[in-house]
Amino acid sequence: MKLVAAYSWFASLAIATNFATQFLVDSFYGGPFKIWLALVAGTGTGLVLKYVLDKKYIFRYETKSASHDLKLIIFYGFFGVATTTIFWAGELGFDAIFQNTVMRYVGGGLGLVVGYYLKYQLDKRFVFRKPV
């Protein structure tokens, strides 16, 4: 149960970081592709934070070197592509339907919750596997 609480807390922090980054982009940039720039920036900040927290506190995984850590975050990001698609579909779908920034974040939040559940399953099985 502690693991579920910790993972949920870290997912909440990553979602808040993602949305705060998107909000900053939305506030300071009004040009073309504004939503896409916000999505990419938010995804990046959320991904890095979630990787650090998951690696250290959820999976208690220690890398052997900086190059091992780089390979692991790339692998982590690779498995995040499918879950990011779910998140982006939720956010962009709600934006298209409601044409409202608040509802865009609601859709993104729903997509992130579903995506993080799937991401945990993938990370446990493929990314942070303990050698046998």
N, C-alpha and C. Protein backbone atom coordinates (compact mmCIF):
# COMPACT_ATOMS: atom_id res chain seq x y z
N MET A 1 0.82 -1.20 0.00
CA MET A 1 0.00 0.00 0.00
C MET A 1 0.87 1.26 0.00
N LYS A 2 2.01 1.19 0.68
CA LYS A 2 2.92 2.34 0.69
C LYS A 2 3.42 2.66 -0.72
N LEU A 3 3.66 1.61 -1.49
CA LEU A 3 4.14 1.80 -2.85
C LEU A 3 3.09 2.51 -3.70
N VAL A 4 1.84 2.12 -3.56
CA VAL A 4 0.75 2.76 -4.31
C VAL A 4 0.64 4.23 -3.92
N ALA A 5 0.73 4.51 -2.63
CA ALA A 5 0.64 5.90 -2.16
C ALA A 5 1.82 6.72 -2.68
N ALA A 6 3.02 6.16 -2.61
CA ALA A 6 4.21 6.88 -3.09
C ALA A 6 4.12 7.12 -4.60
N TYR A 7 3.74 6.08 -5.34
CA TYR A 7 3.65 6.22 -6.79
C TYR A 7 2.59 7.26 -7.15
N SER A 8 1.47 7.23 -6.46
CA SER A 8 0.40 8.21 -6.72
C SER A 8 0.87 9.62 -6.40
N TRP A 9 1.58 9.77 -5.31
CA TRP A 9 2.10 11.10 -4.93
C TRP A 9 3.08 11.60 -5.99
N PHE A 10 4.00 10.73 -6.43
CA PHE A 10 4.98 11.14 -7.44
C PHE A 10 4.31 11.44 -8.77
N ALA A 11 3.30 10.67 -9.12
CA ALA A 11 2.55 10.95 -10.35
C ALA A 11 1.87 12.31 -10.25
N SER A 12 1.32 12.62 -9.08
CA SER A 12 0.69 13.92 -8.86
C SER A 12 1.69 15.06 -9.00
N LEU A 13 2.88 14.87 -8.45
CA LEU A 13 3.93 15.88 -8.58
C LEU A 13 4.33 16.07 -10.04
N ALA A 14 4.46 14.97 -10.77
CA ALA A 14 4.83 15.06 -12.18
C ALA A 14 3.73 15.73 -12.99
N ILE A 15 2.47 15.43 -12.67
CA ILE A 15 1.35 16.08 -13.37
C ILE A 15 1.36 17.57 -13.08
N ALA A 16 1.57 17.94 -11.82
CA ALA A 16 1.61 19.37 -11.45
C ALA A 16 2.77 20.07 -12.16
N THR A 17 3.91 19.42 -12.24
CA THR A 17 5.07 19.98 -12.93
C THR A 17 4.77 20.14 -14.42
N ASN A 18 4.18 19.12 -15.00
CA ASN A 18 3.80 19.16 -16.41
C ASN A 18 2.86 20.34 -16.68
N PHE A 19 1.80 20.43 -15.89
CA PHE A 19 0.81 21.49 -16.11
C PHE A 19 1.37 22.88 -15.80
N ALA A 20 2.22 22.98 -14.80
CA ALA A 20 2.84 24.29 -14.49
C ALA A 20 3.70 24.74 -15.66
N THR A 21 4.44 23.81 -16.24
CA THR A 21 5.26 24.13 -17.40
C THR A 21 4.38 24.55 -18.57
N GLN A 22 3.30 23.81 -18.80
CA GLN A 22 2.38 24.18 -19.88
C GLN A 22 1.78 25.56 -19.63
N PHE A 23 1.41 25.83 -18.40
CA PHE A 23 0.84 27.13 -18.06
C PHE A 23 1.84 28.26 -18.34
N LEU A 24 3.10 28.04 -18.01
CA LEU A 24 4.13 29.04 -18.29
C LEU A 24 4.27 29.28 -19.79
N VAL A 25 4.30 28.20 -20.56
CA VAL A 25 4.38 28.35 -22.01
C VAL A 25 3.15 29.10 -22.52
N ASP A 26 1.97 28.70 -22.04
CA ASP A 26 0.73 29.38 -22.45
C ASP A 26 0.76 30.87 -22.10
N SER A 27 1.37 31.20 -20.96
CA SER A 27 1.40 32.59 -20.49
C SER A 27 2.36 33.47 -21.27
N PHE A 28 3.45 32.87 -21.72
CA PHE A 28 4.50 33.69 -22.34
C PHE A 28 4.61 33.54 -23.85
N TYR A 29 3.89 32.59 -24.41
CA TYR A 29 3.99 32.39 -25.85
C TYR A 29 2.59 32.29 -26.43
N GLY A 30 2.32 33.11 -27.43
CA GLY A 30 1.00 33.11 -28.04
C GLY A 30 1.02 32.79 -29.52
N GLY A 31 2.16 32.32 -29.99
CA GLY A 31 2.32 32.10 -31.42
C GLY A 31 1.74 30.79 -31.90
N PRO A 32 2.08 30.48 -33.15
CA PRO A 32 1.58 29.24 -33.75
C PRO A 32 2.13 28.02 -32.99
N PHE A 33 1.39 26.96 -32.99
CA PHE A 33 1.78 25.72 -32.33
C PHE A 33 1.93 25.87 -30.82
N LYS A 34 1.21 26.84 -30.26
CA LYS A 34 1.28 27.11 -28.82
C LYS A 34 0.97 25.85 -28.00
N ILE A 35 -0.10 25.15 -28.34
CA ILE A 35 -0.47 23.95 -27.57
C ILE A 35 0.60 22.88 -27.71
N TRP A 36 1.12 22.71 -28.91
CA TRP A 36 2.15 21.68 -29.11
C TRP A 36 3.42 22.00 -28.34
N LEU A 37 3.83 23.26 -28.35
CA LEU A 37 5.01 23.65 -27.58
C LEU A 37 4.79 23.41 -26.09
N ALA A 38 3.60 23.76 -25.61
CA ALA A 38 3.27 23.54 -24.20
C ALA A 38 3.28 22.04 -23.87
N LEU A 39 2.70 21.22 -24.74
CA LEU A 39 2.67 19.78 -24.52
C LEU A 39 4.07 19.18 -24.46
N VAL A 40 4.92 19.56 -25.40
CA VAL A 40 6.28 19.02 -25.44
C VAL A 40 7.07 19.47 -24.21
N ALA A 41 6.98 20.74 -23.86
CA ALA A 41 7.71 21.25 -22.69
C ALA A 41 7.21 20.59 -21.41
N GLY A 42 5.90 20.51 -21.25
CA GLY A 42 5.33 19.88 -20.06
C GLY A 42 5.68 18.41 -19.97
N THR A 43 5.61 17.72 -21.09
CA THR A 43 5.97 16.30 -21.11
C THR A 43 7.42 16.11 -20.70
N GLY A 44 8.29 16.97 -21.20
CA GLY A 44 9.72 16.86 -20.86
C GLY A 44 9.99 17.05 -19.39
N THR A 45 9.41 18.09 -18.80
CA THR A 45 9.67 18.34 -17.38
C THR A 45 9.05 17.25 -16.51
N GLY A 46 7.84 16.82 -16.86
CA GLY A 46 7.21 15.75 -16.10
C GLY A 46 7.97 14.44 -16.21
N LEU A 47 8.47 14.14 -17.41
CA LEU A 47 9.22 12.91 -17.64
C LEU A 47 10.49 12.85 -16.80
N VAL A 48 11.25 13.93 -16.79
CA VAL A 48 12.50 13.94 -16.05
C VAL A 48 12.24 13.79 -14.54
N LEU A 49 11.29 14.55 -14.03
CA LEU A 49 10.97 14.44 -12.60
C LEU A 49 10.51 13.02 -12.25
N LYS A 50 9.60 12.47 -13.05
CA LYS A 50 9.05 11.14 -12.77
C LYS A 50 10.13 10.07 -12.86
N TYR A 51 11.04 10.21 -13.81
CA TYR A 51 12.14 9.25 -13.94
C TYR A 51 12.99 9.23 -12.68
N VAL A 52 13.38 10.41 -12.22
CA VAL A 52 14.25 10.51 -11.03
C VAL A 52 13.54 9.90 -9.82
N LEU A 53 12.28 10.25 -9.61
CA LEU A 53 11.55 9.75 -8.45
C LEU A 53 11.29 8.24 -8.55
N ASP A 54 10.88 7.78 -9.73
CA ASP A 54 10.62 6.35 -9.90
C ASP A 54 11.89 5.53 -9.69
N LYS A 55 12.96 5.96 -10.31
CA LYS A 55 14.21 5.21 -10.21
C LYS A 55 14.67 5.09 -8.76
N LYS A 56 14.63 6.19 -8.04
CA LYS A 56 15.18 6.19 -6.68
C LYS A 56 14.22 5.60 -5.65
N TYR A 57 12.96 6.00 -5.69
CA TYR A 57 12.06 5.66 -4.59
C TYR A 57 11.07 4.53 -4.89
N ILE A 58 10.67 4.37 -6.12
CA ILE A 58 9.69 3.33 -6.43
C ILE A 58 10.39 2.00 -6.73
N PHE A 59 11.37 2.05 -7.61
CA PHE A 59 12.05 0.82 -8.02
C PHE A 59 13.38 0.61 -7.31
N ARG A 60 13.86 1.62 -6.59
CA ARG A 60 15.13 1.55 -5.86
C ARG A 60 16.24 0.97 -6.75
N TYR A 61 16.36 1.59 -7.90
CA TYR A 61 17.26 1.10 -8.95
C TYR A 61 18.51 1.98 -8.96
N GLU A 62 19.66 1.33 -8.95
CA GLU A 62 20.91 2.08 -9.01
C GLU A 62 21.61 1.80 -10.33
N THR A 63 21.97 2.89 -10.99
CA THR A 63 22.70 2.74 -12.25
C THR A 63 24.19 2.63 -11.95
N LYS A 64 24.91 2.03 -12.88
CA LYS A 64 26.34 1.77 -12.68
C LYS A 64 27.22 2.95 -13.07
N SER A 65 26.71 3.81 -13.96
CA SER A 65 27.52 4.92 -14.47
C SER A 65 26.59 5.95 -15.11
N ALA A 66 27.16 7.06 -15.50
CA ALA A 66 26.37 8.10 -16.18
C ALA A 66 25.85 7.57 -17.52
N SER A 67 26.65 6.78 -18.21
CA SER A 67 26.20 6.24 -19.50
C SER A 67 25.07 5.23 -19.29
N HIS A 68 25.15 4.44 -18.23
CA HIS A 68 24.06 3.50 -17.91
C HIS A 68 22.79 4.28 -17.59
N ASP A 69 22.93 5.37 -16.84
CA ASP A 69 21.78 6.20 -16.49
C ASP A 69 21.16 6.82 -17.75
N LEU A 70 22.01 7.27 -18.68
CA LEU A 70 21.51 7.84 -19.93
C LEU A 70 20.75 6.79 -20.74
N LYS A 71 21.31 5.59 -20.84
CA LYS A 71 20.63 4.51 -21.56
C LYS A 71 19.29 4.19 -20.90
N LEU A 72 19.27 4.19 -19.58
CA LEU A 72 18.04 3.86 -18.86
C LEU A 72 16.96 4.92 -19.07
N ILE A 73 17.34 6.20 -19.03
CA ILE A 73 16.33 7.24 -19.24
C ILE A 73 15.82 7.23 -20.68
N ILE A 74 16.67 6.87 -21.63
CA ILE A 74 16.22 6.74 -23.02
C ILE A 74 15.22 5.58 -23.12
N PHE A 75 15.53 4.46 -22.49
CA PHE A 75 14.64 3.30 -22.46
C PHE A 75 13.33 3.67 -21.76
N TYR A 76 13.43 4.39 -20.66
CA TYR A 76 12.26 4.86 -19.91
C TYR A 76 11.40 5.75 -20.81
N GLY A 77 12.04 6.65 -21.52
CA GLY A 77 11.33 7.53 -22.44
C GLY A 77 10.70 6.78 -23.60
N PHE A 78 11.39 5.76 -24.10
CA PHE A 78 10.85 4.94 -25.19
C PHE A 78 9.53 4.31 -24.77
N PHE A 79 9.47 3.75 -23.57
CA PHE A 79 8.24 3.15 -23.09
C PHE A 79 7.19 4.20 -22.74
N GLY A 80 7.65 5.44 -22.58
CA GLY A 80 6.72 6.52 -22.32
C GLY A 80 6.00 7.02 -23.57
N VAL A 81 6.47 6.63 -24.74
CA VAL A 81 5.85 7.10 -25.98
C VAL A 81 4.38 6.68 -26.07
N ALA A 82 4.11 5.43 -25.78
CA ALA A 82 2.72 4.96 -25.84
C ALA A 82 1.85 5.67 -24.80
N THR A 83 2.38 5.81 -23.60
CA THR A 83 1.59 6.46 -22.55
C THR A 83 1.46 7.96 -22.81
N THR A 84 2.45 8.56 -23.42
CA THR A 84 2.36 9.97 -23.79
C THR A 84 1.28 10.17 -24.84
N THR A 85 1.15 9.22 -25.74
CA THR A 85 0.10 9.29 -26.76
C THR A 85 -1.27 9.33 -26.10
N ILE A 86 -1.46 8.54 -25.06
CA ILE A 86 -2.74 8.54 -24.33
C ILE A 86 -2.97 9.92 -23.68
N PHE A 87 -1.95 10.44 -23.05
CA PHE A 87 -2.04 11.75 -22.40
C PHE A 87 -2.35 12.84 -23.42
N TRP A 88 -1.59 12.87 -24.51
CA TRP A 88 -1.80 13.91 -25.52
C TRP A 88 -3.18 13.78 -26.16
N ALA A 89 -3.63 12.55 -26.40
CA ALA A 89 -4.96 12.35 -26.98
C ALA A 89 -6.04 12.89 -26.05
N GLY A 90 -5.89 12.65 -24.76
CA GLY A 90 -6.84 13.18 -23.80
C GLY A 90 -6.86 14.70 -23.78
N GLU A 91 -5.67 15.28 -23.73
CA GLU A 91 -5.59 16.74 -23.66
C GLU A 91 -6.06 17.40 -24.95
N LEU A 92 -5.58 16.92 -26.07
CA LEU A 92 -5.97 17.52 -27.35
C LEU A 92 -7.44 17.23 -27.67
N GLY A 93 -7.91 16.05 -27.29
CA GLY A 93 -9.31 15.71 -27.51
C GLY A 93 -10.24 16.62 -26.72
N PHE A 94 -9.94 16.83 -25.46
CA PHE A 94 -10.77 17.72 -24.63
C PHE A 94 -10.66 19.16 -25.14
N ASP A 95 -9.48 19.55 -25.61
CA ASP A 95 -9.33 20.90 -26.15
C ASP A 95 -10.21 21.07 -27.40
N ALA A 96 -10.22 20.05 -28.26
CA ALA A 96 -11.03 20.13 -29.48
C ALA A 96 -12.52 20.13 -29.17
N ILE A 97 -12.93 19.34 -28.20
CA ILE A 97 -14.35 19.24 -27.87
C ILE A 97 -14.85 20.49 -27.14
N PHE A 98 -14.10 20.91 -26.10
CA PHE A 98 -14.59 21.98 -25.23
C PHE A 98 -14.02 23.36 -25.57
N GLN A 99 -12.90 23.39 -26.29
CA GLN A 99 -12.23 24.64 -26.66
C GLN A 99 -12.07 25.56 -25.44
N ASN A 100 -11.51 24.96 -24.39
CA ASN A 100 -11.38 25.65 -23.12
C ASN A 100 -10.11 25.13 -22.45
N THR A 101 -9.27 26.03 -21.96
CA THR A 101 -7.99 25.64 -21.37
C THR A 101 -8.16 24.76 -20.15
N VAL A 102 -9.11 25.09 -19.30
CA VAL A 102 -9.33 24.27 -18.09
C VAL A 102 -9.70 22.85 -18.48
N MET A 103 -10.61 22.71 -19.42
CA MET A 103 -11.03 21.37 -19.86
C MET A 103 -9.89 20.66 -20.59
N ARG A 104 -9.02 21.40 -21.25
CA ARG A 104 -7.84 20.81 -21.88
C ARG A 104 -7.00 20.13 -20.81
N TYR A 105 -6.80 20.80 -19.67
CA TYR A 105 -6.03 20.21 -18.57
C TYR A 105 -6.76 19.03 -17.93
N VAL A 106 -8.08 19.08 -17.87
CA VAL A 106 -8.86 17.95 -17.34
C VAL A 106 -8.61 16.72 -18.22
N GLY A 107 -8.71 16.89 -19.52
CA GLY A 107 -8.44 15.79 -20.44
C GLY A 107 -7.02 15.28 -20.31
N GLY A 108 -6.08 16.22 -20.17
CA GLY A 108 -4.68 15.83 -19.98
C GLY A 108 -4.49 15.06 -18.69
N GLY A 109 -5.14 15.52 -17.63
CA GLY A 109 -5.04 14.83 -16.34
C GLY A 109 -5.57 13.41 -16.41
N LEU A 110 -6.71 13.25 -17.06
CA LEU A 110 -7.27 11.90 -17.21
C LEU A 110 -6.33 11.01 -18.02
N GLY A 111 -5.78 11.57 -19.10
CA GLY A 111 -4.83 10.82 -19.92
C GLY A 111 -3.58 10.45 -19.14
N LEU A 112 -3.11 11.36 -18.29
CA LEU A 112 -1.91 11.08 -17.50
C LEU A 112 -2.17 9.99 -16.45
N VAL A 113 -3.33 10.02 -15.83
CA VAL A 113 -3.64 8.98 -14.83
C VAL A 113 -3.64 7.60 -15.48
N VAL A 114 -4.32 7.48 -16.60
CA VAL A 114 -4.34 6.19 -17.32
C VAL A 114 -2.93 5.83 -17.79
N GLY A 115 -2.24 6.82 -18.35
CA GLY A 115 -0.88 6.58 -18.84
C GLY A 115 0.09 6.16 -17.76
N TYR A 116 0.01 6.80 -16.59
CA TYR A 116 0.92 6.44 -15.50
C TYR A 116 0.65 5.03 -14.97
N TYR A 117 -0.59 4.63 -14.96
CA TYR A 117 -0.89 3.25 -14.55
C TYR A 117 -0.20 2.27 -15.51
N LEU A 118 -0.37 2.50 -16.80
CA LEU A 118 0.26 1.62 -17.80
C LEU A 118 1.78 1.74 -17.75
N LYS A 119 2.28 2.95 -17.51
CA LYS A 119 3.72 3.18 -17.46
C LYS A 119 4.36 2.39 -16.33
N TYR A 120 3.70 2.34 -15.19
CA TYR A 120 4.23 1.56 -14.07
C TYR A 120 4.38 0.10 -14.47
N GLN A 121 3.36 -0.44 -15.12
CA GLN A 121 3.40 -1.85 -15.53
C GLN A 121 4.57 -2.10 -16.49
N LEU A 122 4.76 -1.21 -17.44
CA LEU A 122 5.86 -1.35 -18.41
C LEU A 122 7.21 -1.19 -17.72
N ASP A 123 7.33 -0.18 -16.86
CA ASP A 123 8.61 0.07 -16.19
C ASP A 123 9.00 -1.10 -15.29
N LYS A 124 8.03 -1.65 -14.58
CA LYS A 124 8.30 -2.77 -13.68
C LYS A 124 8.78 -3.99 -14.47
N ARG A 125 8.19 -4.22 -15.62
CA ARG A 125 8.52 -5.42 -16.39
C ARG A 125 9.76 -5.26 -17.29
N PHE A 126 9.99 -4.04 -17.79
CA PHE A 126 11.02 -3.89 -18.80
C PHE A 126 12.14 -2.91 -18.47
N VAL A 127 11.85 -1.82 -17.79
CA VAL A 127 12.87 -0.78 -17.61
C VAL A 127 13.70 -1.02 -16.35
N PHE A 128 13.05 -1.19 -15.23
CA PHE A 128 13.76 -1.29 -13.95
C PHE A 128 13.81 -2.74 -13.45
N ARG A 129 14.01 -3.65 -14.37
CA ARG A 129 14.13 -5.06 -14.00
C ARG A 129 15.43 -5.29 -13.24
N LYS A 130 15.33 -6.08 -12.22
CA LYS A 130 16.53 -6.48 -11.49
C LYS A 130 17.14 -7.66 -12.22
N PRO A 131 18.46 -7.66 -12.39
CA PRO A 131 19.09 -8.80 -13.07
C PRO A 131 18.86 -10.10 -12.28
N VAL A 132 18.69 -11.18 -12.99
CA VAL A 132 18.48 -12.48 -12.31
C VAL A 132 19.75 -13.28 -12.22
